Each structure stands twice: as structure tokens, then as C-alpha cells.
Amino acid sequence: MAKPHMCSPDLLARDLSGKTIIVTGANSGIGFVTAKQLASQGAHVVLACRRTGEGDKRVAEIKSEHANASCEVMKLDLGDLDSVRAFAAAFQERHPSLHGLINNAGVMNTSKGMRTKQGFEMQIGVNHLGHFLLTDLLLEALKRSAPARIVNVSSCYHDKAVGREGKIVIDDLHFESRKYDGWEAYAQSKLANVLHAKGLAKRLEGTSVIAVSVHPGWVRTDLAKHTMPLFVQNFVMRPVLKVMGMIEPWEGAQTSLYAMLADDVAEHAGEYYSQLGMYRVKSAAKGGWPMKSPNPNAHDDAMVDKLWEQSAALVSASQ
């Protein structure tokens, strides 16, 4: 079985003093591990969390291991665009600069009928539209602080999710006309993350703000809670799932960390970085930093612009 891609020790020892980085969904899983690593390297890390109580516990854990770590929790609910706007405003009141934004938070395979506060299908709403608005509101801060990075955490399931092809149905993003399928909705939202990074790269050319998307791997996290009871994943089936390719959060954080820190990423704006993954093409399973997505829909430049325009219209209409 192939070994996960790992960052070099030198990269994970780089001094990040003076840098401010936001990690969404940093109260658990790869978001927490990513935040802890960046804080250990001297960055000031903002753990942007819906459950701030959990975030406070994670900050305490980070500081128990790294006494000089600089980190804080701020409230962010990506399923409520009012919360996104409030977070962006509060962040910019507190912090004059922003050097990194890791759009990590997400939901997977949610049930039919689940909607965000503004009425969006939950997965496209949280995974894409919430992050789309957040990124837009923070772009000027990122430009002022350049060089800076934006990392969209996508998934290999933007290609195919349990047999459902990742595609954007631009006139029915919220499954109002087609039959709802949780995996199809997930694939759509994760493809949106990839296309959003491409759209950002196009619009940020020449600014030294680099946007990319990543697949972290099949990671043992709470993301599976809508698919199976977590005790099944974490205990009952854990040995079997590990043999099948499931990796731990530290391994899952590697691609996000590489995308945020490695110098050569600056030469690959808009590209896709993949840990080991499950793709329609077997040769893609080994991943790559970066690699070409085997999903032809990930290379549709016209859809990049259509999705951008539709996303902008949807978040603007929610005001």
C-alpha cells in the first residue's frame, strides 16, 4: 500500500513569526492538527469555529504543548452568511494583516432537506458558498499582506463520490428540480471548491496571493458522522478501514500544510494538490503535489466563471 505524502521536516520547522493565518473548522480533525502545527511554528492562528466552546478546548490543548503559541478562537458558522459577515468584520477590526486562509471546514453526505439559514442545500452552502463569501470579504486583507495563500480543502470525491460524478448543475445547485442524493451533492460541493480556487487564481494574478485546492486523503475525522456512527469508524471498523487506506489527521493535514508553506506552490496558482485518493483513473490514486484532476469537469473554464457569477449573486441576494 502506498505511503501518504509528507512534508519535509525543514518545511515544518520554518519560522512563521509575524504571520496571521485563519483555519476554518479548526476545532477538530485535520483543521485542528493544521492549526496546531502552524501555531507551533510561530504563526498567530485564528481557529474559526461554529462551536467556540470546542475551539477554546483546542486552544488550551495547543498551549499545553506549545506554551508560547499564539492562537485564538472566533465564532464562524458557514451555514449562516450573517455569521460569515460578522466574522470577517470582527477579524479585520482585530488584525491588520492576513497571510493565510485555509478553507477547511465542511460537511459530507447530509440528509435530504437540510438547509443553511439562507435556504441553500447544506453541502453547497457550507462547503462552497460560506467559504466563497468569507474569502471575498478577506481578499483585500490578503492582498495587503501579500505574499499570501488561500487553500480550499476539497476532496478526491470531487471526481466521483460513491459512483456519483462531480458536476455543477448551475441552474439547480440546491436540488430543487432533481432528486436529492447526498453523495451527488457532496461531489458537487467539492468540485465547487476546486473551481473556486481556479477562479481566485485568475482574478488574483499579479497580486502574490496564491489560491489552490487540496485533497487531504481519506482521513479519520468527524466528517463521516452523516454516513456512519463515529464509534464504528473510530473503533469497530478502524483496523479494516486503515487497511483500505484511511489515514490519521496528522497525515491528512500534510497537503494543506504543504499548500500553505511550500515555496514552489507559488508557481502553481489554481492547481490541485492531492494526498492518496480514490479516482476514476487508477494512476491518480497515488496523488501528487500538484496533480491534474481526472474529472474533466474540473477543467471547464466556462463553468469556473459561471459558478463564480452564480455564487456572487447568491451571497449578495442574502444580504
C-alpha atoms as a PDB file:
ATOM      1  CA  MET A   1       0.000   0.000   0.000  1.00  0.00           C
ATOM      2  CA  ALA A   2       1.323   3.442  -0.933  1.00  0.00           C
ATOM      3  CA  LYS A   3       2.564   5.685   1.847  1.00  0.00           C
ATOM      4  CA  PRO A   4       0.988   9.116   2.359  1.00  0.00           C
ATOM      5  CA  HIS A   5       2.805  12.188   1.080  1.00  0.00           C
ATOM      6  CA  MET A   6       4.523  14.024   3.930  1.00  0.00           C
ATOM      7  CA  CYS A   7       6.032  17.481   4.289  1.00  0.00           C
ATOM      8  CA  SER A   8       9.776  17.734   4.814  1.00  0.00           C
ATOM      9  CA  PRO A   9      10.997  18.415   8.362  1.00  0.00           C
ATOM     10  CA  ASP A  10      12.553  21.684   7.140  1.00  0.00           C
ATOM     11  CA  LEU A  11       9.167  22.936   5.939  1.00  0.00           C
ATOM     12  CA  LEU A  12       7.565  22.108   9.282  1.00  0.00           C
ATOM     13  CA  ALA A  13      10.351  23.924  11.112  1.00  0.00           C
ATOM     14  CA  ARG A  14      10.055  27.154   9.138  1.00  0.00           C
ATOM     15  CA  ASP A  15       9.655  30.257  11.314  1.00  0.00           C
ATOM     16  CA  LEU A  16       6.195  31.769  10.819  1.00  0.00           C
ATOM     17  CA  SER A  17       6.558  34.571  13.365  1.00  0.00           C
ATOM     18  CA  GLY A  18       4.596  37.646  12.314  1.00  0.00           C
ATOM     19  CA  LYS A  19       2.197  35.662  10.123  1.00  0.00           C
ATOM     20  CA  THR A  20      -1.552  35.519  10.762  1.00  0.00           C
ATOM     21  CA  ILE A  21      -3.478  32.526   9.416  1.00  0.00           C
ATOM     22  CA  ILE A  22      -7.165  31.590   9.644  1.00  0.00           C
ATOM     23  CA  VAL A  23      -8.194  27.915   9.687  1.00  0.00           C
ATOM     24  CA  THR A  24     -11.930  27.256   9.429  1.00  0.00           C
ATOM     25  CA  GLY A  25     -13.312  24.243  11.273  1.00  0.00           C
ATOM     26  CA  ALA A  26     -10.203  24.104  13.436  1.00  0.00           C
ATOM     27  CA  ASN A  27     -11.935  22.637  16.486  1.00  0.00           C
ATOM     28  CA  SER A  28     -11.416  19.047  15.275  1.00  0.00           C
ATOM     29  CA  GLY A  29      -9.826  16.736  12.728  1.00  0.00           C
ATOM     30  CA  ILE A  30      -7.316  17.989  10.192  1.00  0.00           C
ATOM     31  CA  GLY A  31      -8.306  21.593  10.868  1.00  0.00           C
ATOM     32  CA  PHE A  32      -7.148  21.305  14.465  1.00  0.00           C
ATOM     33  CA  VAL A  33      -3.943  19.464  13.566  1.00  0.00           C
ATOM     34  CA  THR A  34      -3.186  22.070  10.895  1.00  0.00           C
ATOM     35  CA  ALA A  35      -3.828  24.948  13.301  1.00  0.00           C
ATOM     36  CA  LYS A  36      -1.656  23.378  15.989  1.00  0.00           C
ATOM     37  CA  GLN A  37       1.248  22.862  13.608  1.00  0.00           C
ATOM     38  CA  LEU A  38       1.111  26.421  12.267  1.00  0.00           C
ATOM     39  CA  ALA A  39       0.937  27.808  15.807  1.00  0.00           C
ATOM     40  CA  SER A  40       3.910  25.653  16.822  1.00  0.00           C
ATOM     41  CA  GLN A  41       5.894  27.362  14.043  1.00  0.00           C
ATOM     42  CA  GLY A  42       5.152  30.816  15.411  1.00  0.00           C
ATOM     43  CA  ALA A  43       2.127  31.930  13.384  1.00  0.00           C
ATOM     44  CA  HIS A  44      -0.813  33.619  15.060  1.00  0.00           C
ATOM     45  CA  VAL A  45      -3.628  31.218  14.239  1.00  0.00           C
ATOM     46  CA  VAL A  46      -7.328  32.065  14.317  1.00  0.00           C
ATOM     47  CA  LEU A  47      -9.438  28.963  14.901  1.00  0.00           C
ATOM     48  CA  ALA A  48     -12.671  29.909  13.115  1.00  0.00           C
ATOM     49  CA  CYS A  49     -15.281  27.613  14.651  1.00  0.00           C
ATOM     50  CA  ARG A  50     -19.041  27.223  14.867  1.00  0.00           C
ATOM     51  CA  ARG A  51     -18.668  25.547  18.281  1.00  0.00           C
ATOM     52  CA  THR A  52     -16.479  28.045  20.113  1.00  0.00           C
ATOM     53  CA  GLY A  53     -16.518  26.004  23.323  1.00  0.00           C
ATOM     54  CA  GLU A  54     -14.775  23.184  21.481  1.00  0.00           C
ATOM     55  CA  GLY A  55     -12.431  25.738  19.976  1.00  0.00           C
ATOM     56  CA  ASP A  56     -11.474  27.000  23.429  1.00  0.00           C
ATOM     57  CA  LYS A  57     -10.557  23.449  24.441  1.00  0.00           C
ATOM     58  CA  ARG A  58      -8.366  23.095  21.364  1.00  0.00           C
ATOM     59  CA  VAL A  59      -6.582  26.370  22.118  1.00  0.00           C
ATOM     60  CA  ALA A  60      -5.889  25.132  25.646  1.00  0.00           C
ATOM     61  CA  GLU A  61      -4.540  21.885  24.199  1.00  0.00           C
ATOM     62  CA  ILE A  62      -2.256  23.752  21.792  1.00  0.00           C
ATOM     63  CA  LYS A  63      -0.898  25.955  24.576  1.00  0.00           C
ATOM     64  CA  SER A  64      -0.349  22.968  26.859  1.00  0.00           C
ATOM     65  CA  GLU A  65       2.006  21.543  24.218  1.00  0.00           C
ATOM     66  CA  HIS A  66       3.427  24.839  22.971  1.00  0.00           C
ATOM     67  CA  ALA A  67       3.475  27.360  25.801  1.00  0.00           C
ATOM     68  CA  ASN A  68       4.379  30.303  23.576  1.00  0.00           C
ATOM     69  CA  ALA A  69       1.780  29.537  20.904  1.00  0.00           C
ATOM     70  CA  SER A  70      -0.337  32.475  19.739  1.00  0.00           C
ATOM     71  CA  CYS A  71      -3.872  31.473  18.831  1.00  0.00           C
ATOM     72  CA  GLU A  72      -7.467  32.499  19.407  1.00  0.00           C
ATOM     73  CA  VAL A  73     -10.989  31.304  18.729  1.00  0.00           C
ATOM     74  CA  MET A  74     -13.503  33.326  16.746  1.00  0.00           C
ATOM     75  CA  LYS A  75     -17.122  32.410  16.025  1.00  0.00           C
ATOM     76  CA  LEU A  76     -17.856  31.382  12.440  1.00  0.00           C
ATOM     77  CA  ASP A  77     -20.913  29.492  11.206  1.00  0.00           C
ATOM     78  CA  LEU A  78     -20.505  28.887   7.480  1.00  0.00           C
ATOM     79  CA  GLY A  79     -24.152  27.836   7.272  1.00  0.00           C
ATOM     80  CA  ASP A  80     -25.206  31.382   8.115  1.00  0.00           C
ATOM     81  CA  LEU A  81     -23.897  34.138   5.856  1.00  0.00           C
ATOM     82  CA  ASP A  82     -24.704  36.740   8.512  1.00  0.00           C
ATOM     83  CA  SER A  83     -22.210  34.936  10.740  1.00  0.00           C
ATOM     84  CA  VAL A  84     -19.651  34.949   7.920  1.00  0.00           C
ATOM     85  CA  ARG A  85     -20.004  38.716   7.529  1.00  0.00           C
ATOM     86  CA  ALA A  86     -19.771  39.259  11.277  1.00  0.00           C
ATOM     87  CA  PHE A  87     -16.626  37.122  11.474  1.00  0.00           C
ATOM     88  CA  ALA A  88     -14.907  38.970   8.615  1.00  0.00           C
ATOM     89  CA  ALA A  89     -15.713  42.349  10.150  1.00  0.00           C
ATOM     90  CA  ALA A  90     -14.546  41.314  13.624  1.00  0.00           C
ATOM     91  CA  PHE A  91     -11.352  39.775  12.279  1.00  0.00           C
ATOM     92  CA  GLN A  92     -10.399  42.913  10.373  1.00  0.00           C
ATOM     93  CA  GLU A  93     -11.076  45.081  13.429  1.00  0.00           C
ATOM     94  CA  ARG A  94      -8.606  42.975  15.436  1.00  0.00           C
ATOM     95  CA  HIS A  95      -5.959  42.179  12.848  1.00  0.00           C
ATOM     96  CA  PRO A  96      -4.277  44.483  10.313  1.00  0.00           C
ATOM     97  CA  SER A  97      -2.937  41.628   8.196  1.00  0.00           C
ATOM     98  CA  LEU A  98      -3.807  38.161   6.945  1.00  0.00           C
ATOM     99  CA  HIS A  99      -1.208  35.882   5.368  1.00  0.00           C
ATOM    100  CA  GLY A 100      -3.147  32.666   5.017  1.00  0.00           C
ATOM    101  CA  LEU A 101      -6.722  31.418   4.795  1.00  0.00           C
ATOM    102  CA  ILE A 102      -7.360  27.677   4.968  1.00  0.00           C
ATOM    103  CA  ASN A 103     -10.963  26.975   3.981  1.00  0.00           C
ATOM    104  CA  ASN A 104     -11.041  23.649   5.778  1.00  0.00           C
ATOM    105  CA  ALA A 105     -14.482  23.268   7.405  1.00  0.00           C
ATOM    106  CA  GLY A 106     -17.070  21.100   5.721  1.00  0.00           C
ATOM    107  CA  VAL A 107     -19.968  18.663   5.886  1.00  0.00           C
ATOM    108  CA  MET A 108     -20.445  15.421   3.964  1.00  0.00           C
ATOM    109  CA  ASN A 109     -23.410  13.377   2.747  1.00  0.00           C
ATOM    110  CA  THR A 110     -26.021  15.347   4.666  1.00  0.00           C
ATOM    111  CA  SER A 111     -29.662  14.294   4.656  1.00  0.00           C
ATOM    112  CA  LYS A 112     -32.356  15.460   2.269  1.00  0.00           C
ATOM    113  CA  GLY A 113     -33.972  18.671   3.399  1.00  0.00           C
ATOM    114  CA  MET A 114     -31.034  20.009   5.391  1.00  0.00           C
ATOM    115  CA  ARG A 115     -30.623  23.689   4.568  1.00  0.00           C
ATOM    116  CA  THR A 116     -28.439  26.595   5.641  1.00  0.00           C
ATOM    117  CA  LYS A 117     -30.003  29.635   7.306  1.00  0.00           C
ATOM    118  CA  GLN A 118     -30.346  31.310   3.900  1.00  0.00           C
ATOM    119  CA  GLY A 119     -32.034  28.214   2.437  1.00  0.00           C
ATOM    120  CA  PHE A 120     -29.144  26.762   0.451  1.00  0.00           C
ATOM    121  CA  GLU A 121     -28.649  22.997   0.163  1.00  0.00           C
ATOM    122  CA  MET A 122     -26.419  22.291   3.144  1.00  0.00           C
ATOM    123  CA  GLN A 123     -23.327  20.968   1.378  1.00  0.00           C
ATOM    124  CA  ILE A 124     -23.040  23.583  -1.363  1.00  0.00           C
ATOM    125  CA  GLY A 125     -23.974  26.183   1.245  1.00  0.00           C
ATOM    126  CA  VAL A 126     -21.364  25.289   3.874  1.00  0.00           C
ATOM    127  CA  ASN A 127     -18.604  23.776   1.773  1.00  0.00           C
ATOM    128  CA  HIS A 128     -18.668  26.359  -1.019  1.00  0.00           C
ATOM    129  CA  LEU A 129     -20.897  29.409  -0.595  1.00  0.00           C
ATOM    130  CA  GLY A 130     -19.906  30.146   3.002  1.00  0.00           C
ATOM    131  CA  HIS A 131     -16.233  29.936   2.082  1.00  0.00           C
ATOM    132  CA  PHE A 132     -16.808  31.872  -1.145  1.00  0.00           C
ATOM    133  CA  LEU A 133     -18.211  34.824   0.810  1.00  0.00           C
ATOM    134  CA  LEU A 134     -15.599  34.554   3.567  1.00  0.00           C
ATOM    135  CA  THR A 135     -12.760  34.600   1.041  1.00  0.00           C
ATOM    136  CA  ASP A 136     -14.275  37.536  -0.841  1.00  0.00           C
ATOM    137  CA  LEU A 137     -14.606  39.592   2.335  1.00  0.00           C
ATOM    138  CA  LEU A 138     -10.978  38.914   3.285  1.00  0.00           C
ATOM    139  CA  LEU A 139      -9.377  39.405  -0.134  1.00  0.00           C
ATOM    140  CA  GLU A 140      -8.249  42.975   0.486  1.00  0.00           C
ATOM    141  CA  ALA A 141      -6.584  41.959   3.745  1.00  0.00           C
ATOM    142  CA  LEU A 142      -4.800  39.122   1.928  1.00  0.00           C
ATOM    143  CA  LYS A 143      -3.665  41.456  -0.870  1.00  0.00           C
ATOM    144  CA  ARG A 144      -2.317  43.993   1.646  1.00  0.00           C
ATOM    145  CA  SER A 145      -0.382  41.219   3.372  1.00  0.00           C
ATOM    146  CA  ALA A 146       0.975  39.518   0.234  1.00  0.00           C
ATOM    147  CA  PRO A 147       2.632  37.165  -0.318  1.00  0.00           C
ATOM    148  CA  ALA A 148      -0.352  35.245   0.998  1.00  0.00           C
ATOM    149  CA  ARG A 149      -2.119  31.925   0.404  1.00  0.00           C
ATOM    150  CA  ILE A 150      -5.672  30.622   0.133  1.00  0.00           C
ATOM    151  CA  VAL A 151      -6.127  26.848   0.472  1.00  0.00           C
ATOM    152  CA  ASN A 152      -9.506  25.305  -0.362  1.00  0.00           C
ATOM    153  CA  VAL A 153      -9.861  21.854   1.180  1.00  0.00           C
ATOM    154  CA  SER A 154     -11.689  19.809  -1.440  1.00  0.00           C
ATOM    155  CA  SER A 155     -11.758  16.008  -1.817  1.00  0.00           C
ATOM    156  CA  CYS A 156     -10.953  13.280  -4.317  1.00  0.00           C
ATOM    157  CA  TYR A 157     -14.732  12.882  -4.303  1.00  0.00           C
ATOM    158  CA  HIS A 158     -14.936  15.983  -6.488  1.00  0.00           C
ATOM    159  CA  ASP A 159     -14.147  13.402  -9.165  1.00  0.00           C
ATOM    160  CA  LYS A 160     -16.564  10.641  -8.199  1.00  0.00           C
ATOM    161  CA  ALA A 161     -18.290  10.169  -4.855  1.00  0.00           C
ATOM    162  CA  VAL A 162     -19.531   6.612  -4.351  1.00  0.00           C
ATOM    163  CA  GLY A 163     -20.146   6.419  -8.086  1.00  0.00           C
ATOM    164  CA  ARG A 164     -21.699   9.876  -8.492  1.00  0.00           C
ATOM    165  CA  GLU A 165     -19.729  12.094 -10.860  1.00  0.00           C
ATOM    166  CA  GLY A 166     -18.749  15.530  -9.638  1.00  0.00           C
ATOM    167  CA  LYS A 167     -20.548  18.100 -11.774  1.00  0.00           C
ATOM    168  CA  ILE A 168     -22.016  21.553 -11.283  1.00  0.00           C
ATOM    169  CA  VAL A 169     -25.702  21.858 -12.154  1.00  0.00           C
ATOM    170  CA  ILE A 170     -25.652  25.627 -12.302  1.00  0.00           C
ATOM    171  CA  ASP A 171     -29.411  26.115 -12.548  1.00  0.00           C
ATOM    172  CA  ASP A 172     -30.182  23.634  -9.739  1.00  0.00           C
ATOM    173  CA  LEU A 173     -27.382  23.891  -7.186  1.00  0.00           C
ATOM    174  CA  HIS A 174     -29.846  23.212  -4.346  1.00  0.00           C
ATOM    175  CA  PHE A 175     -31.615  20.127  -5.754  1.00  0.00           C
ATOM    176  CA  GLU A 176     -34.959  21.849  -6.137  1.00  0.00           C
ATOM    177  CA  SER A 177     -35.678  20.242  -9.519  1.00  0.00           C
ATOM    178  CA  ARG A 178     -33.697  16.997  -9.349  1.00  0.00           C
ATOM    179  CA  LYS A 179     -33.923  14.144  -6.874  1.00  0.00           C
ATOM    180  CA  TYR A 180     -31.696  14.737  -3.876  1.00  0.00           C
ATOM    181  CA  ASP A 181     -28.677  12.499  -3.424  1.00  0.00           C
ATOM    182  CA  GLY A 182     -26.294  13.225  -0.551  1.00  0.00           C
ATOM    183  CA  TRP A 183     -23.214  11.935  -2.338  1.00  0.00           C
ATOM    184  CA  GLU A 184     -24.032  13.754  -5.556  1.00  0.00           C
ATOM    185  CA  ALA A 185     -24.455  16.954  -3.552  1.00  0.00           C
ATOM    186  CA  TYR A 186     -21.128  16.347  -1.818  1.00  0.00           C
ATOM    187  CA  ALA A 187     -19.333  15.760  -5.128  1.00  0.00           C
ATOM    188  CA  GLN A 188     -20.840  18.982  -6.499  1.00  0.00           C
ATOM    189  CA  SER A 189     -19.702  20.990  -3.474  1.00  0.00           C
ATOM    190  CA  LYS A 190     -16.165  19.592  -3.564  1.00  0.00           C
ATOM    191  CA  LEU A 191     -15.886  20.294  -7.303  1.00  0.00           C
ATOM    192  CA  ALA A 192     -17.035  23.828  -6.479  1.00  0.00           C
ATOM    193  CA  ASN A 193     -14.026  24.118  -4.126  1.00  0.00           C
ATOM    194  CA  VAL A 194     -11.702  23.199  -6.990  1.00  0.00           C
ATOM    195  CA  LEU A 195     -13.339  25.625  -9.420  1.00  0.00           C
ATOM    196  CA  HIS A 196     -13.379  28.393  -6.808  1.00  0.00           C
ATOM    197  CA  ALA A 197      -9.589  28.088  -6.436  1.00  0.00           C
ATOM    198  CA  LYS A 198      -9.220  28.323 -10.206  1.00  0.00           C
ATOM    199  CA  GLY A 199     -11.449  31.405 -10.288  1.00  0.00           C
ATOM    200  CA  LEU A 200      -9.456  33.012  -7.491  1.00  0.00           C
ATOM    201  CA  ALA A 201      -6.162  32.334  -9.262  1.00  0.00           C
ATOM    202  CA  LYS A 202      -7.478  34.002 -12.400  1.00  0.00           C
ATOM    203  CA  ARG A 203      -8.655  37.097 -10.519  1.00  0.00           C
ATOM    204  CA  LEU A 204      -5.604  37.348  -8.254  1.00  0.00           C
ATOM    205  CA  GLU A 205      -2.973  37.107 -10.964  1.00  0.00           C
ATOM    206  CA  GLY A 206      -0.155  39.539 -10.234  1.00  0.00           C
ATOM    207  CA  THR A 207      -1.127  40.128  -6.589  1.00  0.00           C
ATOM    208  CA  SER A 208       1.159  37.478  -4.973  1.00  0.00           C
ATOM    209  CA  VAL A 209      -1.927  35.943  -3.367  1.00  0.00           C
ATOM    210  CA  ILE A 210      -1.913  32.276  -4.416  1.00  0.00           C
ATOM    211  CA  ALA A 211      -5.035  30.102  -4.285  1.00  0.00           C
ATOM    212  CA  VAL A 212      -5.022  26.313  -4.660  1.00  0.00           C
ATOM    213  CA  SER A 213      -7.289  23.386  -3.767  1.00  0.00           C
ATOM    214  CA  VAL A 214      -6.309  20.192  -1.970  1.00  0.00           C
ATOM    215  CA  HIS A 215      -7.462  16.666  -1.236  1.00  0.00           C
ATOM    216  CA  PRO A 216      -6.315  15.724   2.290  1.00  0.00           C
ATOM    217  CA  GLY A 217      -6.847  11.983   1.915  1.00  0.00           C
ATOM    218  CA  TRP A 218      -9.418   9.664   3.410  1.00  0.00           C
ATOM    219  CA  VAL A 219      -8.946  10.854   6.972  1.00  0.00           C
ATOM    220  CA  ARG A 220     -10.352   9.529  10.238  1.00  0.00           C
ATOM    221  CA  THR A 221     -12.393  12.582  11.269  1.00  0.00           C
ATOM    222  CA  ASP A 222     -15.921  13.542  12.354  1.00  0.00           C
ATOM    223  CA  LEU A 223     -16.792  14.286   8.709  1.00  0.00           C
ATOM    224  CA  ALA A 224     -18.192  10.761   8.433  1.00  0.00           C
ATOM    225  CA  LYS A 225     -20.894  11.362  11.062  1.00  0.00           C
ATOM    226  CA  HIS A 226     -23.726  11.615   8.496  1.00  0.00           C
ATOM    227  CA  THR A 227     -22.601   8.356   6.854  1.00  0.00           C
ATOM    228  CA  MET A 228     -21.841   6.040   9.792  1.00  0.00           C
ATOM    229  CA  PRO A 229     -21.774   6.236  13.602  1.00  0.00           C
ATOM    230  CA  LEU A 230     -18.365   7.593  14.584  1.00  0.00           C
ATOM    231  CA  PHE A 231     -17.719   4.733  17.018  1.00  0.00           C
ATOM    232  CA  VAL A 232     -17.939   2.360  14.033  1.00  0.00           C
ATOM    233  CA  GLN A 233     -15.293   4.349  12.152  1.00  0.00           C
ATOM    234  CA  ASN A 234     -13.056   5.043  15.145  1.00  0.00           C
ATOM    235  CA  PHE A 235     -13.210   1.673  16.886  1.00  0.00           C
ATOM    236  CA  VAL A 236     -15.226  -1.194  15.355  1.00  0.00           C
ATOM    237  CA  MET A 237     -14.041  -0.826  11.749  1.00  0.00           C
ATOM    238  CA  ARG A 238     -10.834   1.128  12.312  1.00  0.00           C
ATOM    239  CA  PRO A 239      -8.369  -1.736  11.605  1.00  0.00           C
ATOM    240  CA  VAL A 240     -10.215  -2.683   8.407  1.00  0.00           C
ATOM    241  CA  LEU A 241     -10.584   0.927   7.258  1.00  0.00           C
ATOM    242  CA  LYS A 242      -6.892   1.529   7.840  1.00  0.00           C
ATOM    243  CA  VAL A 243      -6.019  -1.387   5.571  1.00  0.00           C
ATOM    244  CA  MET A 244      -8.401   0.092   2.993  1.00  0.00           C
ATOM    245  CA  GLY A 245      -6.480   3.387   3.045  1.00  0.00           C
ATOM    246  CA  MET A 246      -7.891   5.525   5.856  1.00  0.00           C
ATOM    247  CA  ILE A 247      -5.200   7.763   7.335  1.00  0.00           C
ATOM    248  CA  GLU A 248      -4.857   9.725  10.578  1.00  0.00           C
ATOM    249  CA  PRO A 249      -5.441  13.506  10.934  1.00  0.00           C
ATOM    250  CA  TRP A 250      -1.701  14.303  11.094  1.00  0.00           C
ATOM    251  CA  GLU A 251      -1.201  12.621   7.728  1.00  0.00           C
ATOM    252  CA  GLY A 252      -4.352  14.299   6.440  1.00  0.00           C
ATOM    253  CA  ALA A 253      -3.034  17.739   7.386  1.00  0.00           C
ATOM    254  CA  GLN A 254       0.106  17.347   5.290  1.00  0.00           C
ATOM    255  CA  THR A 255      -1.319  18.536   1.978  1.00  0.00           C
ATOM    256  CA  SER A 256      -2.891  21.653   3.494  1.00  0.00           C
ATOM    257  CA  LEU A 257       0.391  22.458   5.250  1.00  0.00           C
ATOM    258  CA  TYR A 258       2.380  21.951   2.076  1.00  0.00           C
ATOM    259  CA  ALA A 259      -0.003  24.131   0.085  1.00  0.00           C
ATOM    260  CA  MET A 260       0.244  26.878   2.704  1.00  0.00           C
ATOM    261  CA  LEU A 261       4.026  26.772   3.233  1.00  0.00           C
ATOM    262  CA  ALA A 262       5.985  25.357   0.292  1.00  0.00           C
ATOM    263  CA  ASP A 263       7.732  27.898  -1.938  1.00  0.00           C
ATOM    264  CA  ASP A 264       7.046  26.076  -5.214  1.00  0.00           C
ATOM    265  CA  VAL A 265       3.259  26.371  -4.730  1.00  0.00           C
ATOM    266  CA  ALA A 266       3.598  29.990  -5.894  1.00  0.00           C
ATOM    267  CA  GLU A 267       4.281  28.619  -9.380  1.00  0.00           C
ATOM    268  CA  HIS A 268       1.033  26.616  -9.449  1.00  0.00           C
ATOM    269  CA  ALA A 269      -1.785  29.072  -8.746  1.00  0.00           C
ATOM    270  CA  GLY A 270      -5.213  27.491  -9.163  1.00  0.00           C
ATOM    271  CA  GLU A 271      -3.887  23.942  -9.249  1.00  0.00           C
ATOM    272  CA  TYR A 272      -4.964  20.861  -7.303  1.00  0.00           C
ATOM    273  CA  TYR A 273      -2.836  19.076  -4.692  1.00  0.00           C
ATOM    274  CA  SER A 274      -3.779  15.535  -3.740  1.00  0.00           C
ATOM    275  CA  GLN A 275      -2.900  13.118  -0.969  1.00  0.00           C
ATOM    276  CA  LEU A 276      -3.532   9.447  -1.771  1.00  0.00           C
ATOM    277  CA  GLY A 277      -7.054   9.185  -3.133  1.00  0.00           C
ATOM    278  CA  MET A 278      -9.785   7.240  -4.910  1.00  0.00           C
ATOM    279  CA  TYR A 279     -10.215   8.375  -8.509  1.00  0.00           C
ATOM    280  CA  ARG A 280     -11.785   7.106 -11.717  1.00  0.00           C
ATOM    281  CA  VAL A 281      -8.251   6.670 -13.083  1.00  0.00           C
ATOM    282  CA  LYS A 282      -6.171   4.219 -11.044  1.00  0.00           C
ATOM    283  CA  SER A 283      -2.911   6.015 -11.818  1.00  0.00           C
ATOM    284  CA  ALA A 284      -4.216   9.080  -9.962  1.00  0.00           C
ATOM    285  CA  ALA A 285      -4.613   7.133  -6.699  1.00  0.00           C
ATOM    286  CA  LYS A 286      -1.030   7.929  -5.665  1.00  0.00           C
ATOM    287  CA  GLY A 287      -1.897  11.634  -5.645  1.00  0.00           C
ATOM    288  CA  GLY A 288       0.552  14.408  -6.396  1.00  0.00           C
ATOM    289  CA  TRP A 289       1.672  17.858  -5.245  1.00  0.00           C
ATOM    290  CA  PRO A 290       0.261  19.086  -7.625  1.00  0.00           C
ATOM    291  CA  MET A 291      -1.643  16.731  -9.936  1.00  0.00           C
ATOM    292  CA  LYS A 292      -4.193  17.049 -12.710  1.00  0.00           C
ATOM    293  CA  SER A 293      -7.698  16.081 -11.667  1.00  0.00           C
ATOM    294  CA  PRO A 294      -9.067  13.192 -13.740  1.00  0.00           C
ATOM    295  CA  ASN A 295     -12.525  14.809 -13.701  1.00  0.00           C
ATOM    296  CA  PRO A 296     -12.972  16.706 -16.992  1.00  0.00           C
ATOM    297  CA  ASN A 297     -15.470  18.970 -15.226  1.00  0.00           C
ATOM    298  CA  ALA A 298     -12.592  20.318 -13.127  1.00  0.00           C
ATOM    299  CA  HIS A 299     -11.085  21.835 -16.270  1.00  0.00           C
ATOM    300  CA  ASP A 300     -14.171  23.635 -17.591  1.00  0.00           C
ATOM    301  CA  ASP A 301     -13.070  27.271 -17.706  1.00  0.00           C
ATOM    302  CA  ALA A 302     -16.524  28.432 -18.715  1.00  0.00           C
ATOM    303  CA  MET A 303     -18.012  26.763 -15.633  1.00  0.00           C
ATOM    304  CA  VAL A 304     -15.373  28.437 -13.429  1.00  0.00           C
ATOM    305  CA  ASP A 305     -16.847  31.791 -14.441  1.00  0.00           C
ATOM    306  CA  LYS A 306     -20.471  30.649 -14.371  1.00  0.00           C
ATOM    307  CA  LEU A 307     -20.084  29.277 -10.847  1.00  0.00           C
ATOM    308  CA  TRP A 308     -18.348  32.463  -9.723  1.00  0.00           C
ATOM    309  CA  GLU A 309     -21.137  34.639 -11.096  1.00  0.00           C
ATOM    310  CA  GLN A 310     -23.866  32.450  -9.613  1.00  0.00           C
ATOM    311  CA  SER A 311     -22.129  32.277  -6.234  1.00  0.00           C
ATOM    312  CA  ALA A 312     -21.666  36.048  -6.128  1.00  0.00           C
ATOM    313  CA  ALA A 313     -25.327  36.549  -6.961  1.00  0.00           C
ATOM    314  CA  LEU A 314     -26.498  34.110  -4.294  1.00  0.00           C
ATOM    315  CA  VAL A 315     -24.416  35.571  -1.470  1.00  0.00           C
ATOM    316  CA  SER A 316     -25.316  39.136  -2.500  1.00  0.00           C
ATOM    317  CA  ALA A 317     -29.023  38.302  -2.516  1.00  0.00           C
ATOM    318  CA  SER A 318     -28.740  37.052   1.070  1.00  0.00           C
ATOM    319  CA  GLN A 319     -27.974  40.500   2.473  1.00  0.00           C
END
